Amino acid sequence: MDRNIIVTGAAGNLGASVVEKFKREGYRVIATILPGSGDEVEEADDVYEVDATDEKSVADFAKDYHMQYGEVDAMVLLVGGFQSGSIEKTKVADFDKMIKLNFFSAFNMVKNFLPVMKKANFGHILFMGARPALQSSDGKNAVAYALSKMMVSSLADYVTEEAVDTKIRSHVFVPSIIDTPQNREGMPDADFSLWVNPAEIAEAMHYAVNNPDLRNMTFKLYGGV
């Protein structure tokens, strides 16, 4: 029997690695991309255009998904973005942007798919955290980003509490900096050995999904350690 996994933001560097890993391990991969982006996710079994930050777009996707596939074994919530800025340089609009992109993109998916997982008494929800949300020394120059990612980590905790008597599991994955061509171009003088390859994150996610005894784990994935 196929195991269904949803990967949001699947067209990015990390998304491609996650899709490849789970497809290789025998999962049916349902990917989402931003509407109108023209992105392709070649290894996915099915691709939906979904704006994860939009409540109606996710609700429509969930309705179509449930009719087509029914249960969902796991969700990997990768939609997100970064913005720098200290307290003095951060505007309310910056918070709106980061919370919408990082928090609501996860919240909307959880809201629409957690009930199905509850009915099945099974499922894994994998969230992307961020080191600036855990360490104020890293977050002081990316305040809106760090606080929005703190909300994501709290959401994972709330999922665990709401599903405490079930076999539903939520985990947060916290990389240092993901080693991508875009990040290397943007930070050419950085020490790349301290960064994390997307394939390593995908491996950690597969490990979490296939070890149901793990509950509410935070996976810190720091390169050079």
N, C-alpha and C. Protein backbone atom coordinates (compact mmCIF):
# COMPACT_ATOMS: atom_id res chain seq x y z
N MET A 1 0.84 -1.19 0.00
CA MET A 1 0.00 0.00 0.00
C MET A 1 0.88 1.25 0.00
N ASP A 2 0.55 2.20 -0.88
CA ASP A 2 1.33 3.42 -0.95
C ASP A 2 1.15 4.26 0.31
N ARG A 3 2.24 4.87 0.73
CA ARG A 3 2.19 5.83 1.83
C ARG A 3 2.21 7.22 1.22
N ASN A 4 1.27 8.05 1.62
CA ASN A 4 1.13 9.38 1.03
C ASN A 4 1.86 10.43 1.85
N ILE A 5 2.65 11.24 1.17
CA ILE A 5 3.32 12.36 1.83
C ILE A 5 3.11 13.62 1.03
N ILE A 6 2.75 14.70 1.69
CA ILE A 6 2.60 16.00 1.07
C ILE A 6 3.85 16.82 1.36
N VAL A 7 4.39 17.45 0.34
CA VAL A 7 5.55 18.32 0.50
C VAL A 7 5.18 19.69 -0.05
N THR A 8 5.06 20.68 0.82
CA THR A 8 4.79 22.04 0.34
C THR A 8 6.11 22.73 0.01
N GLY A 9 6.04 23.70 -0.88
CA GLY A 9 7.28 24.35 -1.29
C GLY A 9 8.26 23.39 -1.91
N ALA A 10 7.73 22.45 -2.70
CA ALA A 10 8.53 21.33 -3.17
C ALA A 10 9.51 21.69 -4.27
N ALA A 11 9.38 22.86 -4.87
CA ALA A 11 10.24 23.21 -6.00
C ALA A 11 11.58 23.79 -5.59
N GLY A 12 11.77 24.08 -4.31
CA GLY A 12 13.02 24.64 -3.85
C GLY A 12 14.12 23.60 -3.73
N ASN A 13 15.31 24.03 -3.35
CA ASN A 13 16.43 23.10 -3.22
C ASN A 13 16.17 22.03 -2.17
N LEU A 14 15.66 22.43 -1.02
CA LEU A 14 15.34 21.44 0.01
C LEU A 14 14.17 20.58 -0.42
N GLY A 15 13.16 21.20 -1.02
CA GLY A 15 12.01 20.45 -1.48
C GLY A 15 12.38 19.35 -2.45
N ALA A 16 13.28 19.66 -3.38
CA ALA A 16 13.72 18.66 -4.36
C ALA A 16 14.38 17.47 -3.68
N SER A 17 15.19 17.74 -2.65
CA SER A 17 15.85 16.65 -1.93
C SER A 17 14.87 15.81 -1.15
N VAL A 18 13.88 16.47 -0.54
CA VAL A 18 12.87 15.75 0.23
C VAL A 18 12.02 14.88 -0.69
N VAL A 19 11.59 15.45 -1.81
CA VAL A 19 10.79 14.69 -2.77
C VAL A 19 11.58 13.48 -3.26
N GLU A 20 12.83 13.68 -3.62
CA GLU A 20 13.66 12.59 -4.13
C GLU A 20 13.83 11.49 -3.09
N LYS A 21 14.09 11.87 -1.86
CA LYS A 21 14.31 10.89 -0.80
C LYS A 21 13.08 10.03 -0.55
N PHE A 22 11.94 10.67 -0.36
CA PHE A 22 10.74 9.91 -0.02
C PHE A 22 10.23 9.11 -1.22
N LYS A 23 10.39 9.64 -2.42
CA LYS A 23 10.02 8.88 -3.61
C LYS A 23 10.87 7.63 -3.71
N ARG A 24 12.14 7.77 -3.45
CA ARG A 24 13.06 6.63 -3.51
C ARG A 24 12.71 5.57 -2.47
N GLU A 25 12.13 6.01 -1.36
CA GLU A 25 11.78 5.08 -0.28
C GLU A 25 10.38 4.51 -0.43
N GLY A 26 9.74 4.77 -1.56
CA GLY A 26 8.47 4.12 -1.84
C GLY A 26 7.22 4.89 -1.50
N TYR A 27 7.36 6.17 -1.18
CA TYR A 27 6.19 6.99 -0.86
C TYR A 27 5.55 7.54 -2.13
N ARG A 28 4.25 7.76 -2.05
CA ARG A 28 3.57 8.54 -3.08
C ARG A 28 3.69 10.00 -2.67
N VAL A 29 4.38 10.81 -3.48
CA VAL A 29 4.69 12.18 -3.13
C VAL A 29 3.74 13.13 -3.84
N ILE A 30 3.01 13.90 -3.04
CA ILE A 30 2.12 14.93 -3.56
C ILE A 30 2.76 16.27 -3.23
N ALA A 31 3.17 17.00 -4.25
CA ALA A 31 3.92 18.24 -4.07
C ALA A 31 3.02 19.44 -4.31
N THR A 32 3.34 20.55 -3.64
CA THR A 32 2.66 21.80 -3.93
C THR A 32 3.69 22.84 -4.39
N ILE A 33 3.23 23.67 -5.33
CA ILE A 33 4.04 24.78 -5.81
C ILE A 33 3.19 26.04 -5.78
N LEU A 34 3.81 27.19 -5.86
CA LEU A 34 3.09 28.45 -5.84
C LEU A 34 2.35 28.64 -7.15
N PRO A 35 1.08 29.01 -7.09
CA PRO A 35 0.31 29.21 -8.33
C PRO A 35 0.99 30.22 -9.26
N GLY A 36 1.04 29.86 -10.54
CA GLY A 36 1.60 30.75 -11.54
C GLY A 36 3.11 30.80 -11.58
N SER A 37 3.77 30.00 -10.75
CA SER A 37 5.24 30.05 -10.68
C SER A 37 5.89 29.36 -11.87
N GLY A 38 5.19 28.43 -12.46
CA GLY A 38 5.79 27.67 -13.55
C GLY A 38 6.81 26.65 -13.09
N ASP A 39 6.91 26.45 -11.78
CA ASP A 39 7.88 25.49 -11.24
C ASP A 39 7.49 24.06 -11.60
N GLU A 40 8.48 23.19 -11.66
CA GLU A 40 8.25 21.78 -11.93
C GLU A 40 8.87 20.95 -10.82
N VAL A 41 8.20 19.86 -10.49
CA VAL A 41 8.72 18.90 -9.51
C VAL A 41 8.62 17.54 -10.18
N GLU A 42 9.65 17.22 -10.93
CA GLU A 42 9.58 16.09 -11.85
C GLU A 42 9.37 14.75 -11.15
N GLU A 43 9.94 14.56 -9.97
CA GLU A 43 9.88 13.25 -9.32
C GLU A 43 8.61 13.04 -8.50
N ALA A 44 7.81 14.08 -8.32
CA ALA A 44 6.57 13.95 -7.55
C ALA A 44 5.55 13.15 -8.35
N ASP A 45 4.68 12.46 -7.64
CA ASP A 45 3.61 11.72 -8.30
C ASP A 45 2.48 12.63 -8.74
N ASP A 46 2.28 13.71 -8.02
CA ASP A 46 1.24 14.67 -8.37
C ASP A 46 1.68 16.04 -7.87
N VAL A 47 1.31 17.08 -8.59
CA VAL A 47 1.69 18.44 -8.23
C VAL A 47 0.45 19.32 -8.25
N TYR A 48 0.24 20.06 -7.16
CA TYR A 48 -0.87 20.99 -7.05
C TYR A 48 -0.33 22.41 -6.93
N GLU A 49 -1.02 23.35 -7.53
CA GLU A 49 -0.70 24.76 -7.33
C GLU A 49 -1.48 25.25 -6.11
N VAL A 50 -0.76 25.59 -5.06
CA VAL A 50 -1.39 25.98 -3.80
C VAL A 50 -0.63 27.15 -3.20
N ASP A 51 -1.35 28.19 -2.81
CA ASP A 51 -0.75 29.26 -2.02
C ASP A 51 -0.95 28.91 -0.56
N ALA A 52 0.08 28.34 0.05
CA ALA A 52 -0.06 27.85 1.42
C ALA A 52 -0.35 28.96 2.42
N THR A 53 -0.08 30.20 2.05
CA THR A 53 -0.35 31.32 2.97
C THR A 53 -1.80 31.76 2.91
N ASP A 54 -2.55 31.24 1.95
CA ASP A 54 -3.94 31.65 1.74
C ASP A 54 -4.89 30.57 2.25
N GLU A 55 -5.77 30.96 3.16
CA GLU A 55 -6.65 30.00 3.83
C GLU A 55 -7.54 29.25 2.83
N LYS A 56 -8.13 29.97 1.88
CA LYS A 56 -9.03 29.34 0.92
C LYS A 56 -8.29 28.42 -0.03
N SER A 57 -7.12 28.85 -0.48
CA SER A 57 -6.33 28.02 -1.39
C SER A 57 -5.99 26.67 -0.76
N VAL A 58 -5.62 26.68 0.51
CA VAL A 58 -5.29 25.43 1.21
C VAL A 58 -6.55 24.60 1.43
N ALA A 59 -7.65 25.25 1.79
CA ALA A 59 -8.90 24.52 2.00
C ALA A 59 -9.35 23.82 0.72
N ASP A 60 -9.22 24.50 -0.41
CA ASP A 60 -9.58 23.90 -1.70
C ASP A 60 -8.67 22.72 -2.02
N PHE A 61 -7.38 22.89 -1.77
CA PHE A 61 -6.44 21.80 -1.99
C PHE A 61 -6.77 20.60 -1.11
N ALA A 62 -7.06 20.86 0.16
CA ALA A 62 -7.37 19.77 1.09
C ALA A 62 -8.60 19.00 0.64
N LYS A 63 -9.60 19.71 0.15
CA LYS A 63 -10.82 19.06 -0.33
C LYS A 63 -10.51 18.14 -1.51
N ASP A 64 -9.72 18.66 -2.47
CA ASP A 64 -9.34 17.85 -3.63
C ASP A 64 -8.47 16.67 -3.21
N TYR A 65 -7.55 16.92 -2.30
CA TYR A 65 -6.65 15.85 -1.85
C TYR A 65 -7.44 14.73 -1.19
N HIS A 66 -8.36 15.08 -0.29
CA HIS A 66 -9.11 14.06 0.44
C HIS A 66 -9.94 13.21 -0.52
N MET A 67 -10.49 13.83 -1.55
CA MET A 67 -11.27 13.08 -2.54
C MET A 67 -10.39 12.14 -3.35
N GLN A 68 -9.17 12.60 -3.64
CA GLN A 68 -8.27 11.82 -4.51
C GLN A 68 -7.49 10.76 -3.74
N TYR A 69 -7.00 11.11 -2.56
CA TYR A 69 -6.07 10.22 -1.86
C TYR A 69 -6.53 9.77 -0.48
N GLY A 70 -7.45 10.48 0.14
CA GLY A 70 -7.90 10.07 1.46
C GLY A 70 -6.91 10.43 2.54
N GLU A 71 -6.31 9.44 3.16
CA GLU A 71 -5.42 9.67 4.29
C GLU A 71 -4.07 10.24 3.85
N VAL A 72 -3.41 10.86 4.82
CA VAL A 72 -2.06 11.37 4.59
C VAL A 72 -1.16 10.86 5.70
N ASP A 73 -0.07 10.23 5.31
CA ASP A 73 0.85 9.66 6.29
C ASP A 73 1.79 10.71 6.88
N ALA A 74 2.15 11.69 6.05
CA ALA A 74 3.10 12.70 6.53
C ALA A 74 2.96 13.98 5.71
N MET A 75 3.28 15.09 6.35
CA MET A 75 3.36 16.38 5.67
C MET A 75 4.70 17.02 6.00
N VAL A 76 5.37 17.52 4.98
CA VAL A 76 6.61 18.27 5.17
C VAL A 76 6.32 19.70 4.73
N LEU A 77 6.39 20.62 5.67
CA LEU A 77 5.95 22.00 5.43
C LEU A 77 7.17 22.90 5.22
N LEU A 78 7.48 23.13 3.95
CA LEU A 78 8.72 23.82 3.60
C LEU A 78 8.53 25.26 3.13
N VAL A 79 7.30 25.69 2.91
CA VAL A 79 7.10 27.07 2.46
C VAL A 79 7.60 28.03 3.52
N GLY A 80 8.37 29.04 3.11
CA GLY A 80 8.90 30.00 4.07
C GLY A 80 9.82 30.98 3.39
N GLY A 81 10.34 31.89 4.18
CA GLY A 81 11.25 32.89 3.64
C GLY A 81 12.01 33.58 4.74
N PHE A 82 13.02 34.33 4.36
CA PHE A 82 13.92 34.99 5.31
C PHE A 82 13.92 36.49 5.07
N GLN A 83 14.09 37.23 6.17
CA GLN A 83 14.29 38.67 6.08
C GLN A 83 15.15 39.13 7.25
N SER A 84 16.17 39.88 6.95
CA SER A 84 17.03 40.40 8.00
C SER A 84 16.46 41.69 8.55
N GLY A 85 17.03 42.13 9.68
CA GLY A 85 16.58 43.39 10.27
C GLY A 85 16.60 43.34 11.79
N SER A 86 17.27 44.31 12.40
CA SER A 86 17.27 44.43 13.86
C SER A 86 15.95 45.01 14.33
N ILE A 87 15.79 45.15 15.64
CA ILE A 87 14.56 45.73 16.19
C ILE A 87 14.31 47.10 15.59
N GLU A 88 15.34 47.94 15.57
CA GLU A 88 15.17 49.32 15.10
C GLU A 88 14.82 49.39 13.62
N LYS A 89 15.28 48.41 12.85
CA LYS A 89 15.08 48.45 11.40
C LYS A 89 13.89 47.62 10.93
N THR A 90 13.18 47.00 11.87
CA THR A 90 12.07 46.13 11.50
C THR A 90 10.75 46.88 11.61
N LYS A 91 9.95 46.81 10.54
CA LYS A 91 8.66 47.46 10.50
C LYS A 91 7.54 46.45 10.75
N VAL A 92 6.37 46.96 11.10
CA VAL A 92 5.23 46.08 11.29
C VAL A 92 4.94 45.29 10.02
N ALA A 93 5.12 45.93 8.86
CA ALA A 93 4.90 45.24 7.59
C ALA A 93 5.84 44.06 7.43
N ASP A 94 7.05 44.16 8.00
CA ASP A 94 8.00 43.05 7.94
C ASP A 94 7.48 41.86 8.74
N PHE A 95 6.89 42.14 9.90
CA PHE A 95 6.30 41.07 10.70
C PHE A 95 5.14 40.42 9.95
N ASP A 96 4.30 41.25 9.34
CA ASP A 96 3.17 40.72 8.58
C ASP A 96 3.66 39.76 7.49
N LYS A 97 4.70 40.17 6.79
CA LYS A 97 5.24 39.36 5.71
C LYS A 97 5.80 38.04 6.22
N MET A 98 6.62 38.09 7.27
CA MET A 98 7.26 36.89 7.78
C MET A 98 6.26 35.95 8.44
N ILE A 99 5.32 36.48 9.18
CA ILE A 99 4.32 35.63 9.83
C ILE A 99 3.45 34.94 8.80
N LYS A 100 3.06 35.69 7.77
CA LYS A 100 2.25 35.09 6.71
C LYS A 100 3.02 33.98 6.00
N LEU A 101 4.27 34.26 5.66
CA LEU A 101 5.05 33.32 4.87
C LEU A 101 5.50 32.10 5.67
N ASN A 102 5.93 32.32 6.90
CA ASN A 102 6.49 31.22 7.69
C ASN A 102 5.47 30.54 8.59
N PHE A 103 4.61 31.33 9.23
CA PHE A 103 3.67 30.72 10.17
C PHE A 103 2.37 30.28 9.51
N PHE A 104 1.70 31.19 8.81
CA PHE A 104 0.40 30.83 8.26
C PHE A 104 0.50 29.77 7.18
N SER A 105 1.63 29.71 6.48
CA SER A 105 1.80 28.64 5.49
C SER A 105 1.79 27.27 6.16
N ALA A 106 2.25 27.20 7.40
CA ALA A 106 2.20 25.94 8.16
C ALA A 106 0.86 25.76 8.85
N PHE A 107 0.36 26.83 9.45
CA PHE A 107 -0.91 26.75 10.19
C PHE A 107 -2.06 26.31 9.29
N ASN A 108 -2.14 26.88 8.10
CA ASN A 108 -3.24 26.52 7.19
C ASN A 108 -3.22 25.05 6.84
N MET A 109 -2.04 24.49 6.64
CA MET A 109 -1.93 23.07 6.32
C MET A 109 -2.34 22.21 7.52
N VAL A 110 -1.87 22.58 8.70
CA VAL A 110 -2.21 21.82 9.91
C VAL A 110 -3.72 21.87 10.15
N LYS A 111 -4.29 23.05 10.02
CA LYS A 111 -5.72 23.21 10.27
C LYS A 111 -6.55 22.29 9.39
N ASN A 112 -6.14 22.13 8.14
CA ASN A 112 -6.94 21.36 7.19
C ASN A 112 -6.63 19.87 7.17
N PHE A 113 -5.45 19.47 7.64
CA PHE A 113 -5.09 18.06 7.55
C PHE A 113 -5.00 17.36 8.90
N LEU A 114 -4.87 18.09 9.98
CA LEU A 114 -4.83 17.44 11.29
C LEU A 114 -6.11 16.65 11.57
N PRO A 115 -7.30 17.15 11.23
CA PRO A 115 -8.51 16.35 11.48
C PRO A 115 -8.50 14.99 10.80
N VAL A 116 -7.93 14.93 9.59
CA VAL A 116 -7.85 13.65 8.87
C VAL A 116 -6.89 12.71 9.59
N MET A 117 -5.79 13.26 10.07
CA MET A 117 -4.84 12.45 10.82
C MET A 117 -5.47 11.95 12.12
N LYS A 118 -6.26 12.80 12.78
CA LYS A 118 -6.93 12.37 14.00
C LYS A 118 -7.88 11.21 13.73
N LYS A 119 -8.60 11.31 12.64
CA LYS A 119 -9.55 10.25 12.28
C LYS A 119 -8.83 8.94 12.04
N ALA A 120 -7.64 9.02 11.43
CA ALA A 120 -6.85 7.82 11.15
C ALA A 120 -6.00 7.40 12.34
N ASN A 121 -5.90 8.30 13.34
CA ASN A 121 -5.05 8.06 14.51
C ASN A 121 -3.60 7.83 14.11
N PHE A 122 -3.17 8.57 13.10
CA PHE A 122 -1.78 8.40 12.64
C PHE A 122 -1.39 9.57 11.75
N GLY A 123 -0.10 9.91 11.77
CA GLY A 123 0.42 10.92 10.86
C GLY A 123 1.62 11.63 11.43
N HIS A 124 2.42 12.19 10.54
CA HIS A 124 3.60 12.96 10.94
C HIS A 124 3.53 14.33 10.29
N ILE A 125 3.80 15.36 11.08
CA ILE A 125 3.87 16.72 10.56
C ILE A 125 5.27 17.25 10.84
N LEU A 126 5.97 17.61 9.77
CA LEU A 126 7.35 18.05 9.88
C LEU A 126 7.43 19.53 9.56
N PHE A 127 7.91 20.29 10.53
CA PHE A 127 8.00 21.75 10.42
C PHE A 127 9.45 22.17 10.22
N MET A 128 9.63 23.30 9.54
CA MET A 128 10.96 23.88 9.42
C MET A 128 11.13 25.00 10.44
N GLY A 129 12.05 24.80 11.37
CA GLY A 129 12.39 25.83 12.33
C GLY A 129 13.58 26.64 11.83
N ALA A 130 14.21 27.37 12.74
CA ALA A 130 15.37 28.18 12.38
C ALA A 130 16.21 28.45 13.62
N ARG A 131 17.51 28.42 13.44
CA ARG A 131 18.40 28.65 14.58
C ARG A 131 18.21 30.03 15.20
N PRO A 132 17.95 31.10 14.42
CA PRO A 132 17.69 32.40 15.06
C PRO A 132 16.49 32.40 16.00
N ALA A 133 15.58 31.44 15.83
CA ALA A 133 14.44 31.34 16.74
C ALA A 133 14.82 30.67 18.05
N LEU A 134 15.95 29.97 18.05
CA LEU A 134 16.41 29.28 19.25
C LEU A 134 17.49 30.06 19.99
N GLN A 135 18.25 30.85 19.26
CA GLN A 135 19.38 31.57 19.84
C GLN A 135 19.22 33.06 19.55
N SER A 136 19.01 33.82 20.60
CA SER A 136 18.78 35.26 20.41
C SER A 136 19.98 35.95 19.78
N SER A 137 21.18 35.43 20.00
CA SER A 137 22.36 36.04 19.40
C SER A 137 22.32 35.95 17.88
N ASP A 138 21.66 34.92 17.35
CA ASP A 138 21.50 34.79 15.90
C ASP A 138 20.27 35.55 15.40
N GLY A 139 19.27 35.68 16.27
CA GLY A 139 18.02 36.29 15.85
C GLY A 139 17.97 37.80 15.96
N LYS A 140 18.94 38.40 16.63
CA LYS A 140 18.86 39.84 16.88
C LYS A 140 18.93 40.67 15.60
N ASN A 141 19.49 40.12 14.55
CA ASN A 141 19.56 40.83 13.28
C ASN A 141 18.57 40.31 12.24
N ALA A 142 17.63 39.50 12.71
CA ALA A 142 16.56 38.99 11.84
C ALA A 142 15.32 38.80 12.71
N VAL A 143 14.88 39.88 13.33
CA VAL A 143 13.88 39.80 14.38
C VAL A 143 12.54 39.26 13.88
N ALA A 144 12.03 39.79 12.79
CA ALA A 144 10.73 39.35 12.28
C ALA A 144 10.78 37.88 11.86
N TYR A 145 11.87 37.50 11.22
CA TYR A 145 12.05 36.11 10.80
C TYR A 145 12.11 35.19 12.01
N ALA A 146 12.93 35.56 12.99
CA ALA A 146 13.11 34.71 14.16
C ALA A 146 11.80 34.53 14.93
N LEU A 147 11.06 35.60 15.12
CA LEU A 147 9.81 35.50 15.86
C LEU A 147 8.77 34.69 15.10
N SER A 148 8.74 34.83 13.79
CA SER A 148 7.79 34.02 13.02
C SER A 148 8.13 32.54 13.11
N LYS A 149 9.42 32.21 13.16
CA LYS A 149 9.82 30.82 13.29
C LYS A 149 9.59 30.30 14.71
N MET A 150 9.64 31.18 15.70
CA MET A 150 9.27 30.78 17.05
C MET A 150 7.80 30.35 17.09
N MET A 151 6.97 31.05 16.34
CA MET A 151 5.56 30.68 16.25
C MET A 151 5.39 29.30 15.63
N VAL A 152 6.21 28.98 14.64
CA VAL A 152 6.15 27.66 14.02
C VAL A 152 6.49 26.58 15.03
N SER A 153 7.53 26.80 15.82
CA SER A 153 7.91 25.82 16.84
C SER A 153 6.81 25.64 17.88
N SER A 154 6.16 26.74 18.25
CA SER A 154 5.05 26.66 19.20
C SER A 154 3.88 25.90 18.60
N LEU A 155 3.63 26.10 17.32
CA LEU A 155 2.56 25.36 16.65
C LEU A 155 2.82 23.86 16.72
N ALA A 156 4.06 23.47 16.53
CA ALA A 156 4.41 22.05 16.64
C ALA A 156 4.10 21.53 18.03
N ASP A 157 4.37 22.34 19.06
CA ASP A 157 4.05 21.94 20.44
C ASP A 157 2.54 21.79 20.63
N TYR A 158 1.78 22.71 20.06
CA TYR A 158 0.33 22.64 20.20
C TYR A 158 -0.24 21.41 19.49
N VAL A 159 0.33 21.05 18.36
CA VAL A 159 -0.10 19.84 17.67
C VAL A 159 0.13 18.63 18.56
N THR A 160 1.29 18.58 19.19
CA THR A 160 1.59 17.47 20.09
C THR A 160 0.60 17.39 21.23
N GLU A 161 0.27 18.53 21.83
CA GLU A 161 -0.67 18.55 22.94
C GLU A 161 -2.08 18.14 22.50
N GLU A 162 -2.48 18.63 21.34
CA GLU A 162 -3.83 18.32 20.85
C GLU A 162 -3.96 16.85 20.46
N ALA A 163 -2.86 16.25 20.07
CA ALA A 163 -2.89 14.86 19.63
C ALA A 163 -2.16 13.94 20.60
N VAL A 164 -2.15 14.31 21.87
CA VAL A 164 -1.33 13.63 22.87
C VAL A 164 -1.69 12.15 23.01
N ASP A 165 -2.95 11.79 22.82
CA ASP A 165 -3.36 10.40 23.00
C ASP A 165 -3.48 9.66 21.68
N THR A 166 -2.82 10.17 20.66
CA THR A 166 -2.88 9.55 19.33
C THR A 166 -1.48 9.15 18.89
N LYS A 167 -1.42 8.60 17.68
CA LYS A 167 -0.13 8.24 17.07
C LYS A 167 0.34 9.32 16.09
N ILE A 168 -0.18 10.52 16.26
CA ILE A 168 0.26 11.64 15.45
C ILE A 168 1.53 12.22 16.06
N ARG A 169 2.49 12.51 15.22
CA ARG A 169 3.77 13.04 15.69
C ARG A 169 4.10 14.35 14.96
N SER A 170 4.68 15.29 15.69
CA SER A 170 5.16 16.53 15.07
C SER A 170 6.62 16.74 15.44
N HIS A 171 7.40 17.21 14.47
CA HIS A 171 8.82 17.43 14.68
C HIS A 171 9.24 18.73 14.00
N VAL A 172 10.27 19.35 14.56
CA VAL A 172 10.80 20.60 14.01
C VAL A 172 12.25 20.36 13.60
N PHE A 173 12.60 20.81 12.41
CA PHE A 173 13.96 20.63 11.88
C PHE A 173 14.63 22.00 11.78
N VAL A 174 15.77 22.11 12.45
CA VAL A 174 16.44 23.40 12.58
C VAL A 174 17.84 23.31 11.98
N PRO A 175 18.00 23.74 10.75
CA PRO A 175 19.35 23.76 10.17
C PRO A 175 20.08 25.04 10.56
N SER A 176 21.40 25.02 10.41
CA SER A 176 22.16 26.27 10.57
C SER A 176 21.84 27.12 9.34
N ILE A 177 22.58 26.94 8.27
CA ILE A 177 22.27 27.52 6.97
C ILE A 177 22.27 26.38 5.97
N ILE A 178 21.26 26.33 5.12
CA ILE A 178 21.18 25.26 4.13
C ILE A 178 22.13 25.58 2.98
N ASP A 179 22.92 24.60 2.61
CA ASP A 179 23.92 24.77 1.56
C ASP A 179 23.25 24.69 0.19
N THR A 180 22.94 25.85 -0.36
CA THR A 180 22.31 25.93 -1.68
C THR A 180 23.13 26.86 -2.57
N PRO A 181 22.99 26.76 -3.87
CA PRO A 181 23.70 27.68 -4.77
C PRO A 181 23.36 29.14 -4.48
N GLN A 182 22.10 29.40 -4.16
CA GLN A 182 21.68 30.77 -3.88
C GLN A 182 22.36 31.32 -2.63
N ASN A 183 22.45 30.50 -1.58
CA ASN A 183 23.10 30.95 -0.35
C ASN A 183 24.60 31.14 -0.54
N ARG A 184 25.21 30.29 -1.33
CA ARG A 184 26.65 30.45 -1.61
C ARG A 184 26.91 31.73 -2.38
N GLU A 185 26.02 32.02 -3.32
CA GLU A 185 26.18 33.25 -4.09
C GLU A 185 25.97 34.48 -3.22
N GLY A 186 25.02 34.39 -2.30
CA GLY A 186 24.72 35.52 -1.44
C GLY A 186 25.73 35.73 -0.32
N MET A 187 26.42 34.65 0.09
CA MET A 187 27.41 34.73 1.16
C MET A 187 28.71 34.05 0.73
N PRO A 188 29.39 34.59 -0.25
CA PRO A 188 30.56 33.91 -0.84
C PRO A 188 31.73 33.76 0.11
N ASP A 189 31.78 34.57 1.16
CA ASP A 189 32.92 34.51 2.09
C ASP A 189 32.64 33.64 3.31
N ALA A 190 31.49 33.02 3.36
CA ALA A 190 31.11 32.20 4.51
C ALA A 190 31.88 30.87 4.52
N ASP A 191 31.89 30.23 5.67
CA ASP A 191 32.50 28.91 5.81
C ASP A 191 31.42 27.87 5.49
N PHE A 192 31.45 27.34 4.28
CA PHE A 192 30.40 26.42 3.83
C PHE A 192 30.39 25.11 4.62
N SER A 193 31.50 24.80 5.30
CA SER A 193 31.54 23.55 6.08
C SER A 193 30.59 23.61 7.27
N LEU A 194 30.15 24.81 7.64
CA LEU A 194 29.23 24.97 8.76
C LEU A 194 27.77 24.89 8.31
N TRP A 195 27.58 24.71 7.02
CA TRP A 195 26.23 24.65 6.47
C TRP A 195 25.78 23.20 6.34
N VAL A 196 24.49 23.03 6.05
CA VAL A 196 23.91 21.69 5.99
C VAL A 196 23.40 21.41 4.58
N ASN A 197 23.77 20.27 4.06
CA ASN A 197 23.30 19.87 2.74
C ASN A 197 21.82 19.50 2.80
N PRO A 198 21.03 19.90 1.80
CA PRO A 198 19.61 19.55 1.81
C PRO A 198 19.35 18.05 1.93
N ALA A 199 20.23 17.23 1.36
CA ALA A 199 20.04 15.78 1.44
C ALA A 199 20.13 15.28 2.87
N GLU A 200 20.93 15.93 3.71
CA GLU A 200 21.04 15.55 5.11
C GLU A 200 19.73 15.84 5.86
N ILE A 201 19.11 16.94 5.52
CA ILE A 201 17.83 17.27 6.15
C ILE A 201 16.77 16.28 5.71
N ALA A 202 16.77 15.93 4.43
CA ALA A 202 15.82 14.95 3.92
C ALA A 202 15.99 13.60 4.62
N GLU A 203 17.23 13.21 4.86
CA GLU A 203 17.50 11.96 5.57
C GLU A 203 16.95 12.00 6.99
N ALA A 204 17.14 13.13 7.67
CA ALA A 204 16.64 13.28 9.03
C ALA A 204 15.11 13.22 9.06
N MET A 205 14.49 13.81 8.07
CA MET A 205 13.02 13.78 7.99
C MET A 205 12.52 12.36 7.76
N HIS A 206 13.18 11.63 6.89
CA HIS A 206 12.78 10.24 6.65
C HIS A 206 12.95 9.41 7.91
N TYR A 207 14.03 9.66 8.64
CA TYR A 207 14.25 8.94 9.90
C TYR A 207 13.11 9.22 10.88
N ALA A 208 12.71 10.48 10.98
CA ALA A 208 11.64 10.85 11.92
C ALA A 208 10.32 10.18 11.57
N VAL A 209 9.99 10.18 10.29
CA VAL A 209 8.72 9.61 9.85
C VAL A 209 8.68 8.10 10.08
N ASN A 210 9.84 7.46 10.03
CA ASN A 210 9.89 6.00 10.16
C ASN A 210 10.27 5.53 11.56
N ASN A 211 10.22 6.44 12.52
CA ASN A 211 10.45 6.09 13.92
C ASN A 211 9.32 6.68 14.76
N PRO A 212 8.17 6.02 14.78
CA PRO A 212 6.98 6.58 15.44
C PRO A 212 7.11 6.73 16.95
N ASP A 213 8.13 6.11 17.55
CA ASP A 213 8.31 6.29 18.99
C ASP A 213 8.83 7.68 19.33
N LEU A 214 9.39 8.37 18.35
CA LEU A 214 9.85 9.74 18.56
C LEU A 214 8.65 10.67 18.67
N ARG A 215 8.68 11.56 19.65
CA ARG A 215 7.55 12.46 19.84
C ARG A 215 8.05 13.88 20.06
N ASN A 216 7.55 14.80 19.25
CA ASN A 216 7.83 16.22 19.43
C ASN A 216 9.32 16.49 19.55
N MET A 217 10.08 16.04 18.56
CA MET A 217 11.52 16.22 18.57
C MET A 217 11.92 17.49 17.82
N THR A 218 12.98 18.13 18.29
CA THR A 218 13.62 19.21 17.55
C THR A 218 14.96 18.71 17.05
N PHE A 219 15.10 18.60 15.75
CA PHE A 219 16.33 18.10 15.14
C PHE A 219 17.21 19.28 14.79
N LYS A 220 18.32 19.44 15.48
CA LYS A 220 19.26 20.53 15.21
C LYS A 220 20.31 20.00 14.24
N LEU A 221 20.30 20.56 13.05
CA LEU A 221 21.18 20.10 11.98
C LEU A 221 22.18 21.19 11.66
N TYR A 222 23.32 21.13 12.35
CA TYR A 222 24.34 22.15 12.19
C TYR A 222 25.57 21.54 11.55
N GLY A 223 26.04 22.12 10.48
CA GLY A 223 27.24 21.62 9.83
C GLY A 223 28.47 21.88 10.65
N GLY A 224 29.52 21.12 10.40
CA GLY A 224 30.80 21.31 11.07
C GLY A 224 30.84 20.82 12.50
N VAL A 225 29.79 20.12 12.92
CA VAL A 225 29.72 19.64 14.31
C VAL A 225 30.16 18.18 14.37
